[in-house]
């Protein structure tokens, strides 16, 4: 029997929620599965993946195939790296060092990602401030025009009053 580790969809419409399961590859997507290994909630931003790492390692050892999405999820969590290191002839200390390096790189990427988000927010704030200053300039330009119009209207009234006085 060919087994595959893949996602089965649950949850309501427009609110997907997935189970990470091991199942026969011939079964349909939401069909009967052999074992539930974890969950994946794409709506959440943080802590959206819950996995039983021990069971994942067991099934990888059994030769289960991975869907593309599950491969990506396991890779992001470092499980595939750990599985690869288990197959190598490295000492436990070297394996631990490799995992620590990977975790440090992951933390660095998170920091860089948060910095880029902060930079983008600052750029957006500057754009809003610049737009506000442009609006202020436009309103300042409009004020003299409005004042000029009011003055012209007053002069016209004065001129019309003088012509009425001359007519009388």
N, C-alpha and C. Protein backbone atom coordinates (compact mmCIF):
# COMPACT_ATOMS: atom_id res chain seq x y z
N UNK A 1 0.85 -1.17 0.00
CA UNK A 1 0.00 0.00 0.00
C UNK A 1 0.90 1.24 0.00
N UNK A 2 0.66 2.16 -0.94
CA UNK A 2 1.42 3.41 -1.01
C UNK A 2 0.77 4.43 -0.07
N UNK A 3 1.56 4.91 0.87
CA UNK A 3 1.03 5.89 1.83
C UNK A 3 1.57 7.27 1.50
N UNK A 4 0.77 8.25 1.84
CA UNK A 4 1.14 9.64 1.59
C UNK A 4 0.73 10.48 2.79
N UNK A 5 1.55 11.47 3.10
CA UNK A 5 1.22 12.41 4.15
C UNK A 5 0.72 13.67 3.46
N UNK A 6 -0.53 14.03 3.73
CA UNK A 6 -1.12 15.19 3.07
C UNK A 6 -2.15 15.86 3.96
N UNK A 7 -2.75 16.91 3.43
CA UNK A 7 -3.73 17.70 4.18
C UNK A 7 -5.14 17.24 3.82
N UNK A 8 -6.00 17.19 4.84
CA UNK A 8 -7.43 17.02 4.59
C UNK A 8 -8.10 18.28 5.10
N UNK A 9 -9.04 18.79 4.33
CA UNK A 9 -9.67 20.06 4.68
C UNK A 9 -10.88 19.83 5.57
N UNK A 10 -10.95 20.65 6.61
CA UNK A 10 -12.14 20.72 7.45
C UNK A 10 -12.45 22.19 7.61
N UNK A 11 -13.37 22.52 8.45
CA UNK A 11 -13.71 23.93 8.64
C UNK A 11 -14.82 24.34 7.70
N UNK A 12 -15.35 25.51 7.95
CA UNK A 12 -16.47 25.98 7.14
C UNK A 12 -16.00 26.74 5.91
N UNK A 13 -16.97 27.23 5.16
CA UNK A 13 -16.65 27.96 3.94
C UNK A 13 -15.88 29.23 4.28
N UNK A 14 -14.84 29.52 3.51
CA UNK A 14 -13.98 30.69 3.67
C UNK A 14 -13.21 30.70 5.00
N UNK A 15 -13.22 29.62 5.74
CA UNK A 15 -12.45 29.48 6.98
C UNK A 15 -11.79 28.11 6.98
N UNK A 16 -10.78 27.90 6.12
CA UNK A 16 -10.20 26.57 6.02
C UNK A 16 -9.42 26.19 7.27
N UNK A 17 -9.43 24.91 7.54
CA UNK A 17 -8.68 24.33 8.65
C UNK A 17 -8.27 22.94 8.17
N UNK A 18 -7.01 22.60 8.30
CA UNK A 18 -6.52 21.36 7.73
C UNK A 18 -5.96 20.43 8.79
N UNK A 19 -6.14 19.13 8.55
CA UNK A 19 -5.48 18.10 9.35
C UNK A 19 -4.34 17.55 8.52
N UNK A 20 -3.21 17.32 9.15
CA UNK A 20 -2.09 16.67 8.49
C UNK A 20 -2.22 15.19 8.82
N UNK A 21 -2.43 14.37 7.80
CA UNK A 21 -2.74 12.96 8.01
C UNK A 21 -1.87 12.07 7.13
N UNK A 22 -1.79 10.81 7.54
CA UNK A 22 -1.17 9.77 6.72
C UNK A 22 -2.32 8.92 6.21
N UNK A 23 -2.35 8.70 4.89
CA UNK A 23 -3.44 7.92 4.30
C UNK A 23 -2.96 7.18 3.08
N UNK A 24 -3.79 6.27 2.63
CA UNK A 24 -3.52 5.55 1.39
C UNK A 24 -3.61 6.55 0.25
N UNK A 25 -2.65 6.53 -0.65
CA UNK A 25 -2.61 7.53 -1.72
C UNK A 25 -3.78 7.40 -2.68
N UNK A 26 -4.46 6.26 -2.68
CA UNK A 26 -5.60 6.07 -3.60
C UNK A 26 -6.89 6.63 -3.04
N UNK A 27 -6.91 6.98 -1.78
CA UNK A 27 -8.12 7.55 -1.17
C UNK A 27 -8.30 8.99 -1.61
N UNK A 28 -9.55 9.45 -1.55
CA UNK A 28 -9.82 10.85 -1.91
C UNK A 28 -9.29 11.78 -0.81
N UNK A 29 -9.27 13.07 -1.10
CA UNK A 29 -8.64 14.05 -0.22
C UNK A 29 -9.18 14.00 1.20
N UNK A 30 -10.48 14.03 1.35
CA UNK A 30 -11.08 14.06 2.69
C UNK A 30 -11.55 12.68 3.13
N UNK A 31 -10.99 11.66 2.53
CA UNK A 31 -11.41 10.30 2.85
C UNK A 31 -10.81 9.78 4.14
N UNK A 32 -10.97 8.46 4.32
CA UNK A 32 -10.51 7.81 5.53
C UNK A 32 -8.99 7.82 5.59
N UNK A 33 -8.45 8.16 6.76
CA UNK A 33 -7.00 8.23 6.91
C UNK A 33 -6.52 7.22 7.95
N UNK A 34 -5.24 6.94 7.92
CA UNK A 34 -4.64 5.97 8.83
C UNK A 34 -4.37 6.62 10.18
N UNK A 35 -3.75 7.81 10.15
CA UNK A 35 -3.39 8.48 11.40
C UNK A 35 -3.35 9.99 11.20
N UNK A 36 -3.88 10.69 12.20
CA UNK A 36 -3.79 12.16 12.21
C UNK A 36 -2.50 12.54 12.93
N UNK A 37 -1.68 13.35 12.25
CA UNK A 37 -0.36 13.70 12.80
C UNK A 37 -0.33 15.12 13.34
N UNK A 38 -1.15 16.00 12.79
CA UNK A 38 -1.14 17.38 13.25
C UNK A 38 -2.23 18.19 12.58
N UNK A 39 -2.17 19.51 12.81
CA UNK A 39 -3.14 20.42 12.22
C UNK A 39 -2.43 21.63 11.65
N UNK A 40 -3.13 22.30 10.74
CA UNK A 40 -2.61 23.51 10.11
C UNK A 40 -3.77 24.48 9.94
N UNK A 41 -3.63 25.67 10.52
CA UNK A 41 -4.67 26.70 10.43
C UNK A 41 -4.09 27.90 9.67
N UNK A 42 -4.40 28.04 8.39
CA UNK A 42 -3.80 29.12 7.60
C UNK A 42 -4.33 30.50 7.96
N UNK A 43 -5.43 30.58 8.68
CA UNK A 43 -6.01 31.87 9.06
C UNK A 43 -5.17 32.54 10.15
N UNK A 44 -4.67 31.76 11.09
CA UNK A 44 -3.83 32.31 12.16
C UNK A 44 -2.50 32.75 11.60
N UNK A 45 -1.91 33.78 12.21
CA UNK A 45 -0.60 34.24 11.76
C UNK A 45 0.53 33.57 12.53
N UNK A 46 0.33 33.34 13.81
CA UNK A 46 1.37 32.72 14.65
C UNK A 46 0.85 31.41 15.21
N UNK A 47 1.76 30.46 15.41
CA UNK A 47 1.41 29.16 15.98
C UNK A 47 0.27 28.50 15.23
N UNK A 48 0.35 28.50 13.91
CA UNK A 48 -0.74 27.93 13.14
C UNK A 48 -0.50 26.48 12.76
N UNK A 49 0.64 25.90 13.17
CA UNK A 49 0.95 24.51 12.85
C UNK A 49 1.22 23.76 14.15
N UNK A 50 0.51 22.64 14.32
CA UNK A 50 0.72 21.77 15.47
C UNK A 50 1.03 20.39 14.92
N UNK A 51 2.19 19.84 15.31
CA UNK A 51 2.62 18.55 14.79
C UNK A 51 3.10 17.63 15.91
N UNK A 52 2.88 16.35 15.72
CA UNK A 52 3.49 15.34 16.57
C UNK A 52 4.78 14.92 15.90
N UNK A 53 5.87 15.54 16.32
CA UNK A 53 7.16 15.35 15.66
C UNK A 53 7.61 13.88 15.72
N UNK A 54 7.31 13.23 16.81
CA UNK A 54 7.69 11.83 16.97
C UNK A 54 7.03 10.94 15.92
N UNK A 55 5.73 11.18 15.70
CA UNK A 55 4.99 10.37 14.72
C UNK A 55 5.41 10.72 13.29
N UNK A 56 5.73 11.97 13.05
CA UNK A 56 6.21 12.37 11.72
C UNK A 56 7.51 11.65 11.42
N UNK A 57 8.42 11.61 12.39
CA UNK A 57 9.70 10.91 12.20
C UNK A 57 9.47 9.43 11.94
N UNK A 58 8.52 8.84 12.66
CA UNK A 58 8.21 7.43 12.46
C UNK A 58 7.76 7.18 11.02
N UNK A 59 6.81 7.98 10.55
CA UNK A 59 6.27 7.76 9.21
C UNK A 59 7.29 8.07 8.13
N UNK A 60 8.15 9.06 8.36
CA UNK A 60 9.22 9.32 7.39
C UNK A 60 10.17 8.13 7.32
N UNK A 61 10.40 7.50 8.46
CA UNK A 61 11.22 6.30 8.50
C UNK A 61 10.57 5.14 7.77
N UNK A 62 9.25 5.10 7.75
CA UNK A 62 8.51 4.05 7.06
C UNK A 62 8.47 4.28 5.55
N UNK A 63 8.90 5.46 5.10
CA UNK A 63 8.95 5.72 3.66
C UNK A 63 7.71 6.37 3.09
N UNK A 64 6.98 7.09 3.92
CA UNK A 64 5.78 7.76 3.44
C UNK A 64 6.15 8.88 2.46
N UNK A 65 5.34 9.06 1.43
CA UNK A 65 5.53 10.15 0.49
C UNK A 65 4.90 11.42 1.06
N UNK A 66 5.39 12.59 0.65
CA UNK A 66 4.88 13.86 1.16
C UNK A 66 4.25 14.66 0.04
N UNK A 67 3.12 15.30 0.34
CA UNK A 67 2.57 16.25 -0.63
C UNK A 67 3.44 17.51 -0.60
N UNK A 68 3.31 18.35 -1.60
CA UNK A 68 4.14 19.55 -1.68
C UNK A 68 3.92 20.46 -0.48
N UNK A 69 2.67 20.64 -0.09
CA UNK A 69 2.35 21.54 1.03
C UNK A 69 2.89 20.99 2.34
N UNK A 70 2.71 19.70 2.56
CA UNK A 70 3.21 19.09 3.80
C UNK A 70 4.73 19.15 3.82
N UNK A 71 5.37 18.94 2.68
CA UNK A 71 6.84 19.05 2.61
C UNK A 71 7.27 20.46 3.02
N UNK A 72 6.57 21.46 2.54
CA UNK A 72 6.89 22.84 2.89
C UNK A 72 6.70 23.09 4.38
N UNK A 73 5.61 22.59 4.93
CA UNK A 73 5.33 22.78 6.37
C UNK A 73 6.42 22.11 7.21
N UNK A 74 6.77 20.87 6.86
CA UNK A 74 7.80 20.16 7.63
C UNK A 74 9.16 20.82 7.49
N UNK A 75 9.43 21.35 6.32
CA UNK A 75 10.70 22.03 6.11
C UNK A 75 10.78 23.31 6.95
N UNK A 76 9.70 24.07 6.99
CA UNK A 76 9.69 25.30 7.77
C UNK A 76 9.84 25.03 9.27
N UNK A 77 9.37 23.88 9.72
CA UNK A 77 9.50 23.53 11.13
C UNK A 77 10.79 22.81 11.46
N UNK A 78 11.63 22.53 10.45
CA UNK A 78 12.92 21.90 10.68
C UNK A 78 12.88 20.40 10.85
N UNK A 79 11.74 19.80 10.63
CA UNK A 79 11.61 18.35 10.83
C UNK A 79 12.34 17.59 9.73
N UNK A 80 12.30 18.09 8.51
CA UNK A 80 13.01 17.41 7.43
C UNK A 80 14.52 17.49 7.63
N UNK A 81 15.00 18.60 8.17
CA UNK A 81 16.43 18.71 8.48
C UNK A 81 16.83 17.69 9.52
N UNK A 82 16.03 17.57 10.57
CA UNK A 82 16.34 16.60 11.63
C UNK A 82 16.31 15.18 11.08
N UNK A 83 15.35 14.91 10.21
CA UNK A 83 15.27 13.58 9.61
C UNK A 83 16.50 13.30 8.75
N UNK A 84 16.92 14.30 8.00
CA UNK A 84 18.13 14.15 7.18
C UNK A 84 19.36 13.91 8.04
N UNK A 85 19.46 14.66 9.13
CA UNK A 85 20.63 14.50 10.02
C UNK A 85 20.63 13.13 10.69
N UNK A 86 19.46 12.56 10.96
CA UNK A 86 19.39 11.23 11.57
C UNK A 86 19.96 10.17 10.62
N UNK A 87 19.81 10.39 9.33
CA UNK A 87 20.28 9.41 8.35
C UNK A 87 21.79 9.50 8.12
N UNK A 88 22.40 10.62 8.53
CA UNK A 88 23.84 10.80 8.29
C UNK A 88 24.65 10.14 9.40
N UNK A 89 25.97 10.08 9.22
CA UNK A 89 26.88 9.46 10.19
C UNK A 89 27.45 10.47 11.18
N UNK A 90 26.83 11.62 11.33
CA UNK A 90 27.36 12.65 12.22
C UNK A 90 27.16 12.30 13.68
N UNK A 91 28.03 12.86 14.55
CA UNK A 91 27.86 12.72 15.99
C UNK A 91 26.63 13.49 16.43
N UNK A 92 26.15 13.16 17.61
CA UNK A 92 25.00 13.87 18.15
C UNK A 92 25.31 15.35 18.36
N UNK A 93 26.54 15.66 18.76
CA UNK A 93 26.93 17.05 18.97
C UNK A 93 26.87 17.84 17.68
N UNK A 94 27.38 17.26 16.59
CA UNK A 94 27.34 17.93 15.30
C UNK A 94 25.90 18.11 14.80
N UNK A 95 25.08 17.12 15.07
CA UNK A 95 23.66 17.22 14.69
C UNK A 95 23.00 18.38 15.44
N UNK A 96 23.29 18.46 16.74
CA UNK A 96 22.72 19.55 17.55
C UNK A 96 23.22 20.91 17.06
N UNK A 97 24.50 20.98 16.68
CA UNK A 97 25.05 22.24 16.17
C UNK A 97 24.35 22.65 14.87
N UNK A 98 24.12 21.69 14.00
CA UNK A 98 23.43 22.00 12.74
C UNK A 98 22.02 22.51 12.99
N UNK A 99 21.32 21.88 13.93
CA UNK A 99 19.96 22.31 14.26
C UNK A 99 19.99 23.72 14.85
N UNK A 100 20.97 23.99 15.71
CA UNK A 100 21.08 25.32 16.31
C UNK A 100 21.39 26.38 15.26
N UNK A 101 22.26 26.04 14.29
CA UNK A 101 22.54 26.97 13.20
C UNK A 101 21.28 27.28 12.42
N UNK A 102 20.50 26.24 12.14
CA UNK A 102 19.26 26.41 11.39
C UNK A 102 18.30 27.32 12.17
N UNK A 103 18.18 27.09 13.49
CA UNK A 103 17.30 27.91 14.31
C UNK A 103 17.76 29.36 14.35
N UNK A 104 19.09 29.57 14.40
CA UNK A 104 19.62 30.94 14.40
C UNK A 104 19.30 31.64 13.08
N UNK A 105 19.45 30.92 11.98
CA UNK A 105 19.13 31.50 10.67
C UNK A 105 17.64 31.83 10.59
N UNK A 106 16.82 30.95 11.12
CA UNK A 106 15.37 31.18 11.11
C UNK A 106 15.02 32.42 11.93
N UNK A 107 15.64 32.58 13.10
CA UNK A 107 15.39 33.76 13.93
C UNK A 107 15.83 35.03 13.21
N UNK A 108 16.97 34.96 12.55
CA UNK A 108 17.49 36.11 11.80
C UNK A 108 16.52 36.50 10.68
N UNK A 109 15.98 35.51 10.00
CA UNK A 109 15.01 35.78 8.94
C UNK A 109 13.77 36.45 9.51
N UNK A 110 13.32 35.99 10.67
CA UNK A 110 12.15 36.60 11.31
C UNK A 110 12.43 38.05 11.68
N UNK A 111 13.63 38.32 12.20
CA UNK A 111 14.00 39.70 12.55
C UNK A 111 14.01 40.57 11.31
N UNK A 112 14.62 40.06 10.24
CA UNK A 112 14.68 40.82 9.00
C UNK A 112 13.29 41.07 8.44
N UNK A 113 12.43 40.08 8.55
CA UNK A 113 11.06 40.23 8.06
C UNK A 113 10.33 41.30 8.86
N UNK A 114 10.53 41.29 10.19
CA UNK A 114 9.86 42.30 11.02
C UNK A 114 10.42 43.69 10.73
N UNK A 115 11.72 43.77 10.44
CA UNK A 115 12.32 45.06 10.10
C UNK A 115 11.75 45.59 8.79
N UNK A 116 11.59 44.72 7.81
CA UNK A 116 11.02 45.17 6.53
C UNK A 116 9.59 45.63 6.71
N UNK A 117 8.85 44.97 7.58
CA UNK A 117 7.48 45.40 7.86
C UNK A 117 7.49 46.78 8.50
N UNK A 118 8.41 47.00 9.45
CA UNK A 118 8.51 48.30 10.10
C UNK A 118 8.89 49.39 9.09
N UNK A 119 9.81 49.08 8.20
CA UNK A 119 10.23 50.04 7.18
C UNK A 119 9.05 50.38 6.27
N UNK A 120 8.31 49.36 5.87
CA UNK A 120 7.14 49.59 5.02
C UNK A 120 6.12 50.47 5.72
N UNK A 121 5.91 50.22 7.02
CA UNK A 121 4.96 51.04 7.79
C UNK A 121 5.44 52.49 7.85
N UNK A 122 6.74 52.70 8.06
CA UNK A 122 7.28 54.06 8.12
C UNK A 122 7.11 54.76 6.78
N UNK A 123 7.36 54.05 5.70
CA UNK A 123 7.20 54.63 4.37
C UNK A 123 5.75 55.03 4.14
N UNK A 124 4.81 54.16 4.56
CA UNK A 124 3.40 54.49 4.41
C UNK A 124 3.02 55.71 5.25
N UNK A 125 3.57 55.79 6.47
CA UNK A 125 3.30 56.95 7.32
C UNK A 125 3.81 58.23 6.67
N UNK A 126 5.00 58.17 6.08
CA UNK A 126 5.56 59.35 5.40
C UNK A 126 4.69 59.74 4.23
N UNK A 127 4.19 58.76 3.49
CA UNK A 127 3.31 59.07 2.36
C UNK A 127 2.05 59.77 2.84
N UNK A 128 1.51 59.28 3.95
CA UNK A 128 0.30 59.90 4.51
C UNK A 128 0.60 61.32 4.97
N UNK A 129 1.76 61.51 5.62
CA UNK A 129 2.14 62.85 6.08
C UNK A 129 2.34 63.78 4.89
N UNK A 130 3.01 63.27 3.85
CA UNK A 130 3.21 64.09 2.66
C UNK A 130 1.89 64.44 2.00
N UNK A 131 0.99 63.48 1.97
CA UNK A 131 -0.34 63.75 1.39
C UNK A 131 -1.05 64.80 2.23
N UNK A 132 -0.90 64.71 3.56
CA UNK A 132 -1.50 65.70 4.44
C UNK A 132 -0.90 67.08 4.23
N UNK A 133 0.42 67.15 4.04
CA UNK A 133 1.06 68.44 3.81
C UNK A 133 0.65 69.00 2.46
N UNK A 134 0.46 68.15 1.46
CA UNK A 134 -0.01 68.61 0.15
C UNK A 134 -1.42 69.17 0.29
N UNK A 135 -2.26 68.49 1.08
CA UNK A 135 -3.62 68.98 1.30
C UNK A 135 -3.58 70.33 2.02
N UNK A 136 -2.66 70.46 2.98
CA UNK A 136 -2.54 71.74 3.69
C UNK A 136 -2.14 72.84 2.72
N UNK A 137 -1.17 72.54 1.84
CA UNK A 137 -0.75 73.53 0.86
C UNK A 137 -1.90 73.91 -0.05
N UNK A 138 -2.68 72.89 -0.45
CA UNK A 138 -3.82 73.17 -1.31
C UNK A 138 -4.83 74.05 -0.59
N UNK A 139 -5.09 73.75 0.68
CA UNK A 139 -6.05 74.57 1.43
C UNK A 139 -5.49 75.96 1.66
N UNK A 140 -4.16 76.07 1.88
CA UNK A 140 -3.56 77.39 2.05
C UNK A 140 -3.66 78.18 0.75
N UNK A 141 -3.48 77.51 -0.39
CA UNK A 141 -3.62 78.18 -1.68
C UNK A 141 -5.07 78.57 -1.92
N UNK A 142 -5.99 77.79 -1.43
CA UNK A 142 -7.41 78.06 -1.64
C UNK A 142 -7.83 79.26 -0.79
N UNK A 143 -7.31 79.39 0.40
CA UNK A 143 -7.70 80.49 1.27
C UNK A 143 -7.48 81.85 0.63
N UNK A 144 -6.31 82.13 0.06
CA UNK A 144 -6.16 83.44 -0.58
C UNK A 144 -7.14 83.62 -1.73
N UNK A 145 -7.41 82.58 -2.46
CA UNK A 145 -8.37 82.69 -3.56
C UNK A 145 -9.75 83.01 -3.01
N UNK A 146 -10.13 82.33 -1.93
CA UNK A 146 -11.43 82.60 -1.33
C UNK A 146 -11.49 84.04 -0.81
N UNK A 147 -10.40 84.47 -0.19
CA UNK A 147 -10.36 85.85 0.31
C UNK A 147 -10.45 86.84 -0.85
N UNK A 148 -9.77 86.54 -1.94
CA UNK A 148 -9.82 87.41 -3.11
C UNK A 148 -11.23 87.47 -3.68
N UNK A 149 -11.90 86.36 -3.71
CA UNK A 149 -13.27 86.32 -4.21
C UNK A 149 -14.17 87.16 -3.31
N UNK A 150 -14.00 86.99 -2.00
CA UNK A 150 -14.81 87.78 -1.07
C UNK A 150 -14.55 89.27 -1.25
N UNK A 151 -13.27 89.65 -1.41
CA UNK A 151 -12.93 91.05 -1.63
C UNK A 151 -13.55 91.56 -2.92
N UNK A 152 -13.51 90.73 -3.95
CA UNK A 152 -14.08 91.14 -5.24
C UNK A 152 -15.58 91.32 -5.10
N UNK A 153 -16.22 90.44 -4.38
CA UNK A 153 -17.66 90.56 -4.17
C UNK A 153 -17.96 91.84 -3.40
N UNK A 154 -17.18 92.14 -2.37
CA UNK A 154 -17.39 93.35 -1.59
C UNK A 154 -17.19 94.59 -2.46
N UNK A 155 -16.12 94.59 -3.30
CA UNK A 155 -15.87 95.72 -4.19
C UNK A 155 -17.01 95.89 -5.17
N UNK A 156 -17.53 94.77 -5.67
CA UNK A 156 -18.64 94.84 -6.62
C UNK A 156 -19.86 95.44 -5.95
N UNK A 157 -20.09 95.05 -4.68
CA UNK A 157 -21.21 95.62 -3.95
C UNK A 157 -21.01 97.12 -3.75
N UNK A 158 -19.76 97.51 -3.41
CA UNK A 158 -19.46 98.93 -3.21
C UNK A 158 -19.66 99.69 -4.52
N UNK A 159 -19.17 99.12 -5.63
CA UNK A 159 -19.30 99.76 -6.93
C UNK A 159 -20.76 99.85 -7.32
N UNK A 160 -21.52 98.79 -7.06
CA UNK A 160 -22.94 98.82 -7.42
C UNK A 160 -23.68 99.84 -6.56
N UNK A 161 -23.28 100.01 -5.30
CA UNK A 161 -23.91 101.01 -4.44
C UNK A 161 -23.60 102.42 -4.96
N UNK A 162 -22.35 102.64 -5.42
CA UNK A 162 -21.97 103.95 -5.94
C UNK A 162 -22.74 104.28 -7.20
N UNK A 163 -22.92 103.27 -8.07
CA UNK A 163 -23.67 103.53 -9.31
C UNK A 163 -25.12 103.80 -9.01
N UNK A 164 -25.67 103.16 -8.00
CA UNK A 164 -27.05 103.44 -7.61
C UNK A 164 -27.15 104.85 -7.06
N UNK A 165 -26.13 105.27 -6.28
CA UNK A 165 -26.14 106.62 -5.73
C UNK A 165 -26.02 107.64 -6.86
N UNK A 166 -25.20 107.37 -7.88
CA UNK A 166 -25.04 108.29 -9.02
C UNK A 166 -26.33 108.37 -9.84
N UNK A 167 -27.05 107.29 -9.94
CA UNK A 167 -28.29 107.26 -10.70
C UNK A 167 -29.36 108.11 -9.99
N UNK A 168 -29.29 108.10 -8.68
CA UNK A 168 -30.33 108.83 -7.99
C UNK A 168 -30.11 110.27 -8.00
